[in-house]
Amino acid sequence: MRNSALAGMQAALTGVIALPLVYLSPWSHLIGYASLGTLAALFGRFAQGTGRNRIVLASGFWQTFAVLSVSAAIWLGAPFAVQLLLLAVLCGLFAVVAVQGKFGPPGPLIFIFAAGASMSEVQSWQAVLERGAATAGVAALAWVVCVLTEFIRQQARDGISFPADPVRSPRQHLVVAMRIGSGALAAACAAKVMGAHFPAWAAMGAVAVMQGAHLHTNMHRALQRMLGTVLGAGLVWLILSCGPSVWVLIALIAIFQVVTEIVIGSNYALGQILVTPMALLMTYLASHGEAASAQLVPERVLDTLVGAVVGMLLAVVCSTLEDRASLARHLVSSEQN
């Protein structure tokens, strides 16, 4: 919990430093992409020794890559169907990158969030570069903050062990990438057919459910994600109905970042109640208030429900006989207890 709290504080400190500067600059329209850069500080909290510095740099690179690749595709005139296909490919890629690079929590969802946040109109190639520069610049600041505060981070030693990403063969990586990419595409398309304006959120919901190592974990995560998102979206509606200023939004995003990292490792549902406002407030901040809260709140709920349901279905369809037998044993054990 100490390292998770530290990661949240480092991301929050980066935001408190960078976002006001961006907002007061001639490039205030890039504040949403600057906020994406702060999230690089969340990675590598359980890395050994000084390995975290490399991980934070790498996560900043992939965060910027997500922004640039989607923004460039839109500028080049890619139809929305192609954009969704690119998003699905990126979901599979980031699922492999996060595990292979030993990035740890919060996994590929942060990169997918950055890719989805970039699915908006791009007027020029200069705008593409500005988005990438804003993300990369703040990610670099996040790296500096992490380096300067590294001495606070707890290291693994006798009696203390940290969670580790699974070790997979190249073939297993390919299977995982194809499964998660397919789930993300199916969820995003389903959300789009239902009239959603942010189908990337549905893709995130599906990936969040499908990335678990065990089938019963995926099922629990889906249910907790749906419940947490509904309650968190209601909290956002209350916040935005008060008409908060940009400064209040920045402060709230920082608070939610810290509290989320403290809570989500031990209680996923409660973590979702807290992370949902952070994501929606970032979206609202990036739109400069143009995205009405009346649209954001139900949209987030709808997309999460669609993504979670699709993720649950595909998790079962793509599971092995042993996965399903393990789920059955887990249910029997739960009923007996």
C-alpha atoms as a PDB file:
ATOM      1  CA  MET A   1       0.000   0.000   0.000  1.00  0.00           C
ATOM      2  CA  ARG A   2       2.918   2.340   0.682  1.00  0.00           C
ATOM      3  CA  ASN A   3       4.176   2.107  -2.901  1.00  0.00           C
ATOM      4  CA  SER A   4       0.683   2.414  -4.342  1.00  0.00           C
ATOM      5  CA  ALA A   5       0.019   5.522  -2.275  1.00  0.00           C
ATOM      6  CA  LEU A   6       3.373   6.938  -3.367  1.00  0.00           C
ATOM      7  CA  ALA A   7       2.567   6.326  -7.054  1.00  0.00           C
ATOM      8  CA  GLY A   8      -0.740   8.169  -6.655  1.00  0.00           C
ATOM      9  CA  MET A   9       0.981  11.060  -4.888  1.00  0.00           C
ATOM     10  CA  GLN A  10       3.668  11.289  -7.567  1.00  0.00           C
ATOM     11  CA  ALA A  11       1.044  11.435 -10.320  1.00  0.00           C
ATOM     12  CA  ALA A  12      -0.945  13.993  -8.349  1.00  0.00           C
ATOM     13  CA  LEU A  13       2.136  16.153  -7.691  1.00  0.00           C
ATOM     14  CA  THR A  14       3.012  16.068 -11.385  1.00  0.00           C
ATOM     15  CA  GLY A  15      -0.508  17.228 -12.222  1.00  0.00           C
ATOM     16  CA  VAL A  16      -0.522  19.981  -9.617  1.00  0.00           C
ATOM     17  CA  ILE A  17       2.720  21.338 -11.119  1.00  0.00           C
ATOM     18  CA  ALA A  18       2.015  20.858 -14.823  1.00  0.00           C
ATOM     19  CA  LEU A  19      -1.706  21.412 -15.353  1.00  0.00           C
ATOM     20  CA  PRO A  20      -1.884  24.983 -14.008  1.00  0.00           C
ATOM     21  CA  LEU A  21       1.134  25.914 -16.153  1.00  0.00           C
ATOM     22  CA  VAL A  22      -0.477  24.443 -19.267  1.00  0.00           C
ATOM     23  CA  TYR A  23      -3.811  26.086 -18.491  1.00  0.00           C
ATOM     24  CA  LEU A  24      -2.200  29.522 -18.127  1.00  0.00           C
ATOM     25  CA  SER A  25      -0.088  29.082 -21.273  1.00  0.00           C
ATOM     26  CA  PRO A  26      -1.052  29.780 -24.916  1.00  0.00           C
ATOM     27  CA  TRP A  27      -1.612  26.019 -25.255  1.00  0.00           C
ATOM     28  CA  SER A  28      -4.396  25.676 -22.696  1.00  0.00           C
ATOM     29  CA  HIS A  29      -6.376  23.550 -25.170  1.00  0.00           C
ATOM     30  CA  LEU A  30      -3.808  20.773 -24.591  1.00  0.00           C
ATOM     31  CA  ILE A  31      -4.513  20.432 -20.870  1.00  0.00           C
ATOM     32  CA  GLY A  32      -6.276  17.099 -21.389  1.00  0.00           C
ATOM     33  CA  TYR A  33      -3.229  15.593 -23.107  1.00  0.00           C
ATOM     34  CA  ALA A  34      -1.000  17.042 -20.406  1.00  0.00           C
ATOM     35  CA  SER A  35      -3.113  15.246 -17.813  1.00  0.00           C
ATOM     36  CA  LEU A  36      -2.493  11.976 -19.677  1.00  0.00           C
ATOM     37  CA  GLY A  37       1.236  12.474 -19.179  1.00  0.00           C
ATOM     38  CA  THR A  38       0.840  12.565 -15.406  1.00  0.00           C
ATOM     39  CA  LEU A  39      -0.334   8.947 -15.434  1.00  0.00           C
ATOM     40  CA  ALA A  40       3.147   7.676 -16.343  1.00  0.00           C
ATOM     41  CA  ALA A  41       4.011   8.037 -12.649  1.00  0.00           C
ATOM     42  CA  LEU A  42       1.596   5.238 -11.762  1.00  0.00           C
ATOM     43  CA  PHE A  43       3.762   2.488 -13.257  1.00  0.00           C
ATOM     44  CA  GLY A  44       6.614   0.449 -11.871  1.00  0.00           C
ATOM     45  CA  ARG A  45       5.697   0.774  -8.217  1.00  0.00           C
ATOM     46  CA  PHE A  46       6.812  -2.800  -7.492  1.00  0.00           C
ATOM     47  CA  ALA A  47       9.972  -2.772  -9.618  1.00  0.00           C
ATOM     48  CA  GLN A  48      13.231  -4.001  -8.143  1.00  0.00           C
ATOM     49  CA  GLY A  49      15.947  -1.486  -7.309  1.00  0.00           C
ATOM     50  CA  THR A  50      16.217   1.454  -9.676  1.00  0.00           C
ATOM     51  CA  GLY A  51      14.335  -0.419 -12.405  1.00  0.00           C
ATOM     52  CA  ARG A  52      11.361   1.825 -11.851  1.00  0.00           C
ATOM     53  CA  ASN A  53      13.070   4.770 -13.550  1.00  0.00           C
ATOM     54  CA  ARG A  54      13.246   2.770 -16.781  1.00  0.00           C
ATOM     55  CA  ILE A  55       9.633   1.672 -16.469  1.00  0.00           C
ATOM     56  CA  VAL A  56       8.313   5.205 -15.944  1.00  0.00           C
ATOM     57  CA  LEU A  57      10.256   6.380 -19.005  1.00  0.00           C
ATOM     58  CA  ALA A  58       8.932   3.467 -21.053  1.00  0.00           C
ATOM     59  CA  SER A  59       5.354   4.077 -19.916  1.00  0.00           C
ATOM     60  CA  GLY A  60       5.704   7.738 -20.909  1.00  0.00           C
ATOM     61  CA  PHE A  61       6.834   6.603 -24.351  1.00  0.00           C
ATOM     62  CA  TRP A  62       3.867   4.252 -24.812  1.00  0.00           C
ATOM     63  CA  GLN A  63       1.442   6.861 -23.488  1.00  0.00           C
ATOM     64  CA  THR A  64       2.762   9.310 -26.074  1.00  0.00           C
ATOM     65  CA  PHE A  65       2.716   6.609 -28.751  1.00  0.00           C
ATOM     66  CA  ALA A  66      -0.982   5.981 -28.037  1.00  0.00           C
ATOM     67  CA  VAL A  67      -1.789   9.667 -28.456  1.00  0.00           C
ATOM     68  CA  LEU A  68       0.307  10.133 -31.590  1.00  0.00           C
ATOM     69  CA  SER A  69      -0.811   6.977 -33.405  1.00  0.00           C
ATOM     70  CA  VAL A  70      -4.528   7.616 -33.017  1.00  0.00           C
ATOM     71  CA  SER A  71      -4.226  11.368 -33.649  1.00  0.00           C
ATOM     72  CA  ALA A  72      -2.152  10.753 -36.796  1.00  0.00           C
ATOM     73  CA  ALA A  73      -4.682   8.213 -38.103  1.00  0.00           C
ATOM     74  CA  ILE A  74      -7.508  10.709 -37.652  1.00  0.00           C
ATOM     75  CA  TRP A  75      -5.518  13.497 -39.336  1.00  0.00           C
ATOM     76  CA  LEU A  76      -4.832  11.169 -42.276  1.00  0.00           C
ATOM     77  CA  GLY A  77      -8.583  10.741 -42.698  1.00  0.00           C
ATOM     78  CA  ALA A  78      -9.118   7.249 -41.308  1.00  0.00           C
ATOM     79  CA  PRO A  79     -12.848   6.367 -41.210  1.00  0.00           C
ATOM     80  CA  PHE A  80     -14.313   5.725 -37.778  1.00  0.00           C
ATOM     81  CA  ALA A  81     -14.419   1.972 -38.438  1.00  0.00           C
ATOM     82  CA  VAL A  82     -10.676   2.036 -39.093  1.00  0.00           C
ATOM     83  CA  GLN A  83     -10.169   4.052 -35.914  1.00  0.00           C
ATOM     84  CA  LEU A  84     -11.969   1.371 -33.915  1.00  0.00           C
ATOM     85  CA  LEU A  85      -9.866  -1.329 -35.572  1.00  0.00           C
ATOM     86  CA  LEU A  86      -6.695   0.611 -34.702  1.00  0.00           C
ATOM     87  CA  LEU A  87      -7.924   0.956 -31.122  1.00  0.00           C
ATOM     88  CA  ALA A  88      -8.461  -2.817 -30.928  1.00  0.00           C
ATOM     89  CA  VAL A  89      -4.960  -3.511 -32.264  1.00  0.00           C
ATOM     90  CA  LEU A  90      -3.513  -1.090 -29.717  1.00  0.00           C
ATOM     91  CA  CYS A  91      -5.439  -2.824 -26.917  1.00  0.00           C
ATOM     92  CA  GLY A  92      -3.797  -6.123 -27.817  1.00  0.00           C
ATOM     93  CA  LEU A  93      -0.388  -4.486 -28.212  1.00  0.00           C
ATOM     94  CA  PHE A  94      -0.566  -2.679 -24.873  1.00  0.00           C
ATOM     95  CA  ALA A  95      -1.687  -5.856 -23.091  1.00  0.00           C
ATOM     96  CA  VAL A  96       1.548  -7.518 -24.245  1.00  0.00           C
ATOM     97  CA  VAL A  97       3.740  -4.454 -23.650  1.00  0.00           C
ATOM     98  CA  ALA A  98       2.541  -4.011 -20.064  1.00  0.00           C
ATOM     99  CA  VAL A  99       3.304  -7.621 -19.134  1.00  0.00           C
ATOM    100  CA  GLN A 100       6.522  -7.985 -21.129  1.00  0.00           C
ATOM    101  CA  GLY A 101       7.861  -4.706 -19.750  1.00  0.00           C
ATOM    102  CA  LYS A 102       6.878  -5.641 -16.176  1.00  0.00           C
ATOM    103  CA  PHE A 103       5.028  -2.341 -15.819  1.00  0.00           C
ATOM    104  CA  GLY A 104       2.738  -3.647 -13.090  1.00  0.00           C
ATOM    105  CA  PRO A 105      -0.479  -1.886 -12.054  1.00  0.00           C
ATOM    106  CA  PRO A 106      -2.496  -0.267 -13.521  1.00  0.00           C
ATOM    107  CA  GLY A 107      -1.570  -2.261 -16.633  1.00  0.00           C
ATOM    108  CA  PRO A 108      -2.583  -1.520 -20.230  1.00  0.00           C
ATOM    109  CA  LEU A 109      -5.759   0.417 -19.353  1.00  0.00           C
ATOM    110  CA  ILE A 110      -3.881   3.711 -18.985  1.00  0.00           C
ATOM    111  CA  PHE A 111      -2.487   3.465 -22.516  1.00  0.00           C
ATOM    112  CA  ILE A 112      -5.906   2.479 -23.878  1.00  0.00           C
ATOM    113  CA  PHE A 113      -7.432   5.459 -22.077  1.00  0.00           C
ATOM    114  CA  ALA A 114      -4.891   7.726 -23.808  1.00  0.00           C
ATOM    115  CA  ALA A 115      -5.691   6.214 -27.203  1.00  0.00           C
ATOM    116  CA  GLY A 116      -9.426   6.619 -26.653  1.00  0.00           C
ATOM    117  CA  ALA A 117      -9.016  10.195 -25.431  1.00  0.00           C
ATOM    118  CA  SER A 118      -7.253  11.028 -28.710  1.00  0.00           C
ATOM    119  CA  MET A 119     -10.239   9.980 -30.846  1.00  0.00           C
ATOM    120  CA  SER A 120     -11.334  13.532 -31.619  1.00  0.00           C
ATOM    121  CA  GLU A 121     -11.058  15.805 -34.648  1.00  0.00           C
ATOM    122  CA  VAL A 122      -7.530  16.790 -35.687  1.00  0.00           C
ATOM    123  CA  GLN A 123      -7.164  19.848 -37.913  1.00  0.00           C
ATOM    124  CA  SER A 124      -3.480  19.673 -38.835  1.00  0.00           C
ATOM    125  CA  TRP A 125      -0.239  17.757 -38.502  1.00  0.00           C
ATOM    126  CA  GLN A 126       0.888  20.471 -36.108  1.00  0.00           C
ATOM    127  CA  ALA A 127      -2.020  19.559 -33.826  1.00  0.00           C
ATOM    128  CA  VAL A 128      -0.829  15.935 -33.824  1.00  0.00           C
ATOM    129  CA  LEU A 129       2.640  17.012 -32.751  1.00  0.00           C
ATOM    130  CA  GLU A 130       1.252  19.369 -30.097  1.00  0.00           C
ATOM    131  CA  ARG A 131      -0.768  16.553 -28.545  1.00  0.00           C
ATOM    132  CA  GLY A 132       2.265  14.288 -28.445  1.00  0.00           C
ATOM    133  CA  ALA A 133       4.508  17.031 -27.081  1.00  0.00           C
ATOM    134  CA  ALA A 134       2.075  17.861 -24.267  1.00  0.00           C
ATOM    135  CA  THR A 135       1.818  14.214 -23.260  1.00  0.00           C
ATOM    136  CA  ALA A 136       5.547  13.528 -23.534  1.00  0.00           C
ATOM    137  CA  GLY A 137       6.564  16.739 -21.757  1.00  0.00           C
ATOM    138  CA  VAL A 138       4.423  16.051 -18.695  1.00  0.00           C
ATOM    139  CA  ALA A 139       5.433  12.378 -18.713  1.00  0.00           C
ATOM    140  CA  ALA A 140       9.051  13.553 -18.543  1.00  0.00           C
ATOM    141  CA  LEU A 141       8.137  15.718 -15.557  1.00  0.00           C
ATOM    142  CA  ALA A 142       6.514  12.656 -13.969  1.00  0.00           C
ATOM    143  CA  TRP A 143       9.802  10.792 -14.427  1.00  0.00           C
ATOM    144  CA  VAL A 144      11.701  13.610 -12.702  1.00  0.00           C
ATOM    145  CA  VAL A 145       9.233  13.589  -9.799  1.00  0.00           C
ATOM    146  CA  CYS A 146       9.584   9.812  -9.447  1.00  0.00           C
ATOM    147  CA  VAL A 147      13.402   9.960  -9.532  1.00  0.00           C
ATOM    148  CA  LEU A 148      13.504  12.691  -6.872  1.00  0.00           C
ATOM    149  CA  THR A 149      11.150  10.795  -4.555  1.00  0.00           C
ATOM    150  CA  GLU A 150      12.463   7.275  -5.240  1.00  0.00           C
ATOM    151  CA  PHE A 151      14.013   7.096  -1.768  1.00  0.00           C
ATOM    152  CA  ILE A 152      10.498   6.891  -0.267  1.00  0.00           C
ATOM    153  CA  ARG A 153       9.549   3.761  -2.206  1.00  0.00           C
ATOM    154  CA  GLN A 154       9.623   0.475  -0.307  1.00  0.00           C
ATOM    155  CA  GLN A 155      11.835  -2.245  -1.744  1.00  0.00           C
ATOM    156  CA  ALA A 156      11.157  -5.968  -1.660  1.00  0.00           C
ATOM    157  CA  ARG A 157      13.136  -7.769   1.036  1.00  0.00           C
ATOM    158  CA  ASP A 158      12.810 -10.731   3.383  1.00  0.00           C
ATOM    159  CA  GLY A 159       9.236 -10.979   4.547  1.00  0.00           C
ATOM    160  CA  ILE A 160       7.949  -8.555   1.881  1.00  0.00           C
ATOM    161  CA  SER A 161       6.972  -9.757  -1.572  1.00  0.00           C
ATOM    162  CA  PHE A 162       5.345  -7.769  -4.357  1.00  0.00           C
ATOM    163  CA  PRO A 163       2.932  -8.952  -7.066  1.00  0.00           C
ATOM    164  CA  ALA A 164       4.584  -9.826 -10.374  1.00  0.00           C
ATOM    165  CA  ASP A 165       3.317 -10.031 -13.934  1.00  0.00           C
ATOM    166  CA  PRO A 166       3.003 -13.561 -15.358  1.00  0.00           C
ATOM    167  CA  VAL A 167       5.802 -14.953 -17.535  1.00  0.00           C
ATOM    168  CA  ARG A 168       4.483 -15.895 -20.982  1.00  0.00           C
ATOM    169  CA  SER A 169       5.932 -17.410 -24.113  1.00  0.00           C
ATOM    170  CA  PRO A 170       5.747 -15.506 -27.445  1.00  0.00           C
ATOM    171  CA  ARG A 171       2.864 -17.763 -28.506  1.00  0.00           C
ATOM    172  CA  GLN A 172       0.961 -16.990 -25.299  1.00  0.00           C
ATOM    173  CA  HIS A 173       1.532 -13.265 -25.847  1.00  0.00           C
ATOM    174  CA  LEU A 174       0.067 -13.581 -29.346  1.00  0.00           C
ATOM    175  CA  VAL A 175      -2.995 -15.442 -28.072  1.00  0.00           C
ATOM    176  CA  VAL A 176      -3.583 -12.866 -25.315  1.00  0.00           C
ATOM    177  CA  ALA A 177      -3.185  -9.966 -27.761  1.00  0.00           C
ATOM    178  CA  MET A 178      -5.655 -11.483 -30.233  1.00  0.00           C
ATOM    179  CA  ARG A 179      -8.184 -12.307 -27.506  1.00  0.00           C
ATOM    180  CA  ILE A 180      -8.056  -8.869 -25.888  1.00  0.00           C
ATOM    181  CA  GLY A 181      -8.001  -7.066 -29.226  1.00  0.00           C
ATOM    182  CA  SER A 182     -11.066  -9.002 -30.399  1.00  0.00           C
ATOM    183  CA  GLY A 183     -12.898  -8.290 -27.163  1.00  0.00           C
ATOM    184  CA  ALA A 184     -12.089  -4.588 -27.350  1.00  0.00           C
ATOM    185  CA  LEU A 185     -13.271  -4.380 -30.959  1.00  0.00           C
ATOM    186  CA  ALA A 186     -16.492  -6.244 -30.219  1.00  0.00           C
ATOM    187  CA  ALA A 187     -17.269  -4.031 -27.217  1.00  0.00           C
ATOM    188  CA  ALA A 188     -16.453  -0.782 -29.049  1.00  0.00           C
ATOM    189  CA  CYS A 189     -18.587  -1.762 -32.059  1.00  0.00           C
ATOM    190  CA  ALA A 190     -21.490  -2.803 -29.831  1.00  0.00           C
ATOM    191  CA  ALA A 191     -21.334   0.516 -27.992  1.00  0.00           C
ATOM    192  CA  LYS A 192     -21.186   2.444 -31.267  1.00  0.00           C
ATOM    193  CA  VAL A 193     -24.224   0.589 -32.634  1.00  0.00           C
ATOM    194  CA  MET A 194     -26.089   1.589 -29.474  1.00  0.00           C
ATOM    195  CA  GLY A 195     -25.299   5.243 -30.196  1.00  0.00           C
ATOM    196  CA  ALA A 196     -22.400   5.773 -27.790  1.00  0.00           C
ATOM    197  CA  HIS A 197     -20.114   8.751 -28.422  1.00  0.00           C
ATOM    198  CA  PHE A 198     -17.113   7.288 -26.557  1.00  0.00           C
ATOM    199  CA  PRO A 199     -16.899   3.615 -27.625  1.00  0.00           C
ATOM    200  CA  ALA A 200     -13.306   3.503 -26.393  1.00  0.00           C
ATOM    201  CA  TRP A 201     -14.713   3.365 -22.861  1.00  0.00           C
ATOM    202  CA  ALA A 202     -16.509   0.127 -23.769  1.00  0.00           C
ATOM    203  CA  ALA A 203     -13.232  -1.270 -25.106  1.00  0.00           C
ATOM    204  CA  MET A 204     -11.562  -0.395 -21.799  1.00  0.00           C
ATOM    205  CA  GLY A 205     -14.351  -2.163 -19.921  1.00  0.00           C
ATOM    206  CA  ALA A 206     -13.868  -5.327 -21.938  1.00  0.00           C
ATOM    207  CA  VAL A 207     -10.072  -5.284 -21.521  1.00  0.00           C
ATOM    208  CA  ALA A 208     -10.371  -4.692 -17.769  1.00  0.00           C
ATOM    209  CA  VAL A 209     -12.517  -7.806 -17.467  1.00  0.00           C
ATOM    210  CA  MET A 210     -10.483 -10.029 -19.794  1.00  0.00           C
ATOM    211  CA  GLN A 211      -6.987  -9.268 -18.510  1.00  0.00           C
ATOM    212  CA  GLY A 212      -7.412 -11.274 -15.288  1.00  0.00           C
ATOM    213  CA  ALA A 213      -5.451 -14.495 -14.935  1.00  0.00           C
ATOM    214  CA  HIS A 214      -8.423 -16.569 -13.719  1.00  0.00           C
ATOM    215  CA  LEU A 215     -11.990 -16.870 -14.959  1.00  0.00           C
ATOM    216  CA  HIS A 216     -13.600 -16.346 -11.552  1.00  0.00           C
ATOM    217  CA  THR A 217     -11.449 -13.220 -11.098  1.00  0.00           C
ATOM    218  CA  ASN A 218     -12.726 -11.882 -14.425  1.00  0.00           C
ATOM    219  CA  MET A 219     -16.344 -12.464 -13.427  1.00  0.00           C
ATOM    220  CA  HIS A 220     -15.943 -10.735 -10.074  1.00  0.00           C
ATOM    221  CA  ARG A 221     -14.060  -7.858 -11.687  1.00  0.00           C
ATOM    222  CA  ALA A 222     -16.828  -7.334 -14.252  1.00  0.00           C
ATOM    223  CA  LEU A 223     -19.543  -7.120 -11.604  1.00  0.00           C
ATOM    224  CA  GLN A 224     -17.480  -4.831  -9.386  1.00  0.00           C
ATOM    225  CA  ARG A 225     -16.589  -2.608 -12.333  1.00  0.00           C
ATOM    226  CA  MET A 226     -20.245  -2.192 -13.299  1.00  0.00           C
ATOM    227  CA  LEU A 227     -21.342  -1.347  -9.762  1.00  0.00           C
ATOM    228  CA  GLY A 228     -18.398   0.964  -9.091  1.00  0.00           C
ATOM    229  CA  THR A 229     -18.840   2.837 -12.362  1.00  0.00           C
ATOM    230  CA  VAL A 230     -22.535   3.501 -11.760  1.00  0.00           C
ATOM    231  CA  LEU A 231     -21.841   4.942  -8.316  1.00  0.00           C
ATOM    232  CA  GLY A 232     -18.764   6.852  -9.502  1.00  0.00           C
ATOM    233  CA  ALA A 233     -20.663   8.376 -12.416  1.00  0.00           C
ATOM    234  CA  GLY A 234     -23.324   9.572 -10.011  1.00  0.00           C
ATOM    235  CA  LEU A 235     -20.593  11.267  -7.981  1.00  0.00           C
ATOM    236  CA  VAL A 236     -19.356  13.032 -11.125  1.00  0.00           C
ATOM    237  CA  TRP A 237     -22.862  14.281 -11.862  1.00  0.00           C
ATOM    238  CA  LEU A 238     -23.018  15.839  -8.388  1.00  0.00           C
ATOM    239  CA  ILE A 239     -19.603  17.477  -8.852  1.00  0.00           C
ATOM    240  CA  LEU A 240     -20.277  18.906 -12.309  1.00  0.00           C
ATOM    241  CA  SER A 241     -23.751  20.115 -11.352  1.00  0.00           C
ATOM    242  CA  CYS A 242     -22.005  22.548  -8.986  1.00  0.00           C
ATOM    243  CA  GLY A 243     -20.168  24.184 -11.904  1.00  0.00           C
ATOM    244  CA  PRO A 244     -16.588  23.763 -10.554  1.00  0.00           C
ATOM    245  CA  SER A 245     -13.745  25.950 -11.842  1.00  0.00           C
ATOM    246  CA  VAL A 246     -10.675  24.564 -13.595  1.00  0.00           C
ATOM    247  CA  TRP A 247      -8.701  24.920 -10.365  1.00  0.00           C
ATOM    248  CA  VAL A 248     -11.228  22.857  -8.441  1.00  0.00           C
ATOM    249  CA  LEU A 249     -11.158  20.198 -11.171  1.00  0.00           C
ATOM    250  CA  ILE A 250      -7.352  19.977 -11.033  1.00  0.00           C
ATOM    251  CA  ALA A 251      -7.462  19.620  -7.258  1.00  0.00           C
ATOM    252  CA  LEU A 252     -10.162  16.935  -7.419  1.00  0.00           C
ATOM    253  CA  ILE A 253      -8.265  14.956 -10.064  1.00  0.00           C
ATOM    254  CA  ALA A 254      -5.172  14.996  -7.835  1.00  0.00           C
ATOM    255  CA  ILE A 255      -7.174  13.842  -4.804  1.00  0.00           C
ATOM    256  CA  PHE A 256      -8.886  11.043  -6.728  1.00  0.00           C
ATOM    257  CA  GLN A 257      -5.510   9.867  -8.095  1.00  0.00           C
ATOM    258  CA  VAL A 258      -4.063   9.430  -4.617  1.00  0.00           C
ATOM    259  CA  VAL A 259      -7.113   7.856  -2.992  1.00  0.00           C
ATOM    260  CA  THR A 260      -7.732   5.507  -5.924  1.00  0.00           C
ATOM    261  CA  GLU A 261      -4.235   4.036  -5.757  1.00  0.00           C
ATOM    262  CA  ILE A 262      -4.559   3.492  -2.014  1.00  0.00           C
ATOM    263  CA  VAL A 263      -7.902   1.716  -2.297  1.00  0.00           C
ATOM    264  CA  ILE A 264      -8.132  -0.131  -5.619  1.00  0.00           C
ATOM    265  CA  GLY A 265      -5.569  -2.838  -4.785  1.00  0.00           C
ATOM    266  CA  SER A 266      -7.639  -4.096  -1.864  1.00  0.00           C
ATOM    267  CA  ASN A 267     -11.176  -3.254  -3.023  1.00  0.00           C
ATOM    268  CA  TYR A 268     -11.713  -3.128  -6.786  1.00  0.00           C
ATOM    269  CA  ALA A 269     -15.339  -1.966  -6.592  1.00  0.00           C
ATOM    270  CA  LEU A 270     -14.533   0.940  -4.282  1.00  0.00           C
ATOM    271  CA  GLY A 271     -11.561   1.762  -6.499  1.00  0.00           C
ATOM    272  CA  GLN A 272     -13.891   2.001  -9.493  1.00  0.00           C
ATOM    273  CA  ILE A 273     -16.105   4.440  -7.606  1.00  0.00           C
ATOM    274  CA  LEU A 274     -13.034   6.674  -7.264  1.00  0.00           C
ATOM    275  CA  VAL A 275     -11.304   6.135 -10.606  1.00  0.00           C
ATOM    276  CA  THR A 276     -14.474   6.863 -12.605  1.00  0.00           C
ATOM    277  CA  PRO A 277     -14.647  10.502 -11.445  1.00  0.00           C
ATOM    278  CA  MET A 278     -10.946  10.949 -12.206  1.00  0.00           C
ATOM    279  CA  ALA A 279     -11.370   9.703 -15.787  1.00  0.00           C
ATOM    280  CA  LEU A 280     -14.550  11.692 -16.410  1.00  0.00           C
ATOM    281  CA  LEU A 281     -13.146  14.889 -14.910  1.00  0.00           C
ATOM    282  CA  MET A 282     -10.072  14.536 -17.139  1.00  0.00           C
ATOM    283  CA  THR A 283     -12.407  14.148 -20.133  1.00  0.00           C
ATOM    284  CA  TYR A 284     -14.425  17.171 -19.042  1.00  0.00           C
ATOM    285  CA  LEU A 285     -11.258  19.197 -18.515  1.00  0.00           C
ATOM    286  CA  ALA A 286      -9.937  18.228 -21.955  1.00  0.00           C
ATOM    287  CA  SER A 287     -13.175  19.404 -23.584  1.00  0.00           C
ATOM    288  CA  HIS A 288     -12.984  22.755 -21.735  1.00  0.00           C
ATOM    289  CA  GLY A 289     -16.454  22.169 -20.390  1.00  0.00           C
ATOM    290  CA  GLU A 290     -17.984  21.534 -23.805  1.00  0.00           C
ATOM    291  CA  ALA A 291     -18.866  17.932 -22.904  1.00  0.00           C
ATOM    292  CA  ALA A 292     -22.013  18.339 -20.849  1.00  0.00           C
ATOM    293  CA  SER A 293     -22.206  16.347 -17.639  1.00  0.00           C
ATOM    294  CA  ALA A 294     -25.683  15.211 -18.684  1.00  0.00           C
ATOM    295  CA  GLN A 295     -24.013  13.350 -21.579  1.00  0.00           C
ATOM    296  CA  LEU A 296     -20.832  12.164 -19.884  1.00  0.00           C
ATOM    297  CA  VAL A 297     -22.436  10.386 -16.940  1.00  0.00           C
ATOM    298  CA  PRO A 298     -24.944   8.087 -18.727  1.00  0.00           C
ATOM    299  CA  GLU A 299     -22.429   7.538 -21.530  1.00  0.00           C
ATOM    300  CA  ARG A 300     -19.812   6.222 -19.107  1.00  0.00           C
ATOM    301  CA  VAL A 301     -22.350   3.921 -17.465  1.00  0.00           C
ATOM    302  CA  LEU A 302     -23.624   2.576 -20.796  1.00  0.00           C
ATOM    303  CA  ASP A 303     -20.157   1.977 -22.220  1.00  0.00           C
ATOM    304  CA  THR A 304     -18.942   0.265 -19.066  1.00  0.00           C
ATOM    305  CA  LEU A 305     -21.960  -2.029 -18.954  1.00  0.00           C
ATOM    306  CA  VAL A 306     -21.524  -2.945 -22.613  1.00  0.00           C
ATOM    307  CA  GLY A 307     -17.790  -3.516 -22.208  1.00  0.00           C
ATOM    308  CA  ALA A 308     -18.182  -5.593 -19.063  1.00  0.00           C
ATOM    309  CA  VAL A 309     -20.887  -7.797 -20.570  1.00  0.00           C
ATOM    310  CA  VAL A 310     -18.908  -8.379 -23.762  1.00  0.00           C
ATOM    311  CA  GLY A 311     -15.792  -9.055 -21.691  1.00  0.00           C
ATOM    312  CA  MET A 312     -17.632 -11.608 -19.546  1.00  0.00           C
ATOM    313  CA  LEU A 313     -19.039 -13.419 -22.578  1.00  0.00           C
ATOM    314  CA  LEU A 314     -15.691 -13.583 -24.367  1.00  0.00           C
ATOM    315  CA  ALA A 315     -13.855 -14.560 -21.185  1.00  0.00           C
ATOM    316  CA  VAL A 316     -16.117 -17.618 -20.960  1.00  0.00           C
ATOM    317  CA  VAL A 317     -16.019 -18.389 -24.697  1.00  0.00           C
ATOM    318  CA  CYS A 318     -12.208 -18.132 -24.829  1.00  0.00           C
ATOM    319  CA  SER A 319     -11.650 -20.020 -21.580  1.00  0.00           C
ATOM    320  CA  THR A 320     -10.282 -23.545 -21.391  1.00  0.00           C
ATOM    321  CA  LEU A 321     -12.059 -26.525 -19.823  1.00  0.00           C
ATOM    322  CA  GLU A 322      -9.758 -26.182 -16.805  1.00  0.00           C
ATOM    323  CA  ASP A 323     -10.705 -22.481 -16.464  1.00  0.00           C
ATOM    324  CA  ARG A 324     -14.411 -23.363 -16.357  1.00  0.00           C
ATOM    325  CA  ALA A 325     -13.823 -26.238 -13.934  1.00  0.00           C
ATOM    326  CA  SER A 326     -11.878 -23.850 -11.682  1.00  0.00           C
ATOM    327  CA  LEU A 327     -14.771 -21.359 -11.824  1.00  0.00           C
ATOM    328  CA  ALA A 328     -17.223 -24.111 -10.839  1.00  0.00           C
ATOM    329  CA  ARG A 329     -15.045 -25.165  -7.902  1.00  0.00           C
ATOM    330  CA  HIS A 330     -14.735 -21.545  -6.796  1.00  0.00           C
ATOM    331  CA  LEU A 331     -18.533 -21.090  -6.866  1.00  0.00           C
ATOM    332  CA  VAL A 332     -19.093 -24.281  -4.862  1.00  0.00           C
ATOM    333  CA  SER A 333     -16.499 -23.173  -2.318  1.00  0.00           C
ATOM    334  CA  SER A 334     -18.132 -19.753  -2.034  1.00  0.00           C
ATOM    335  CA  GLU A 335     -21.562 -21.282  -1.448  1.00  0.00           C
ATOM    336  CA  GLN A 336     -20.198 -23.605   1.238  1.00  0.00           C
ATOM    337  CA  ASN A 337     -18.503 -20.714   3.023  1.00  0.00           C
END
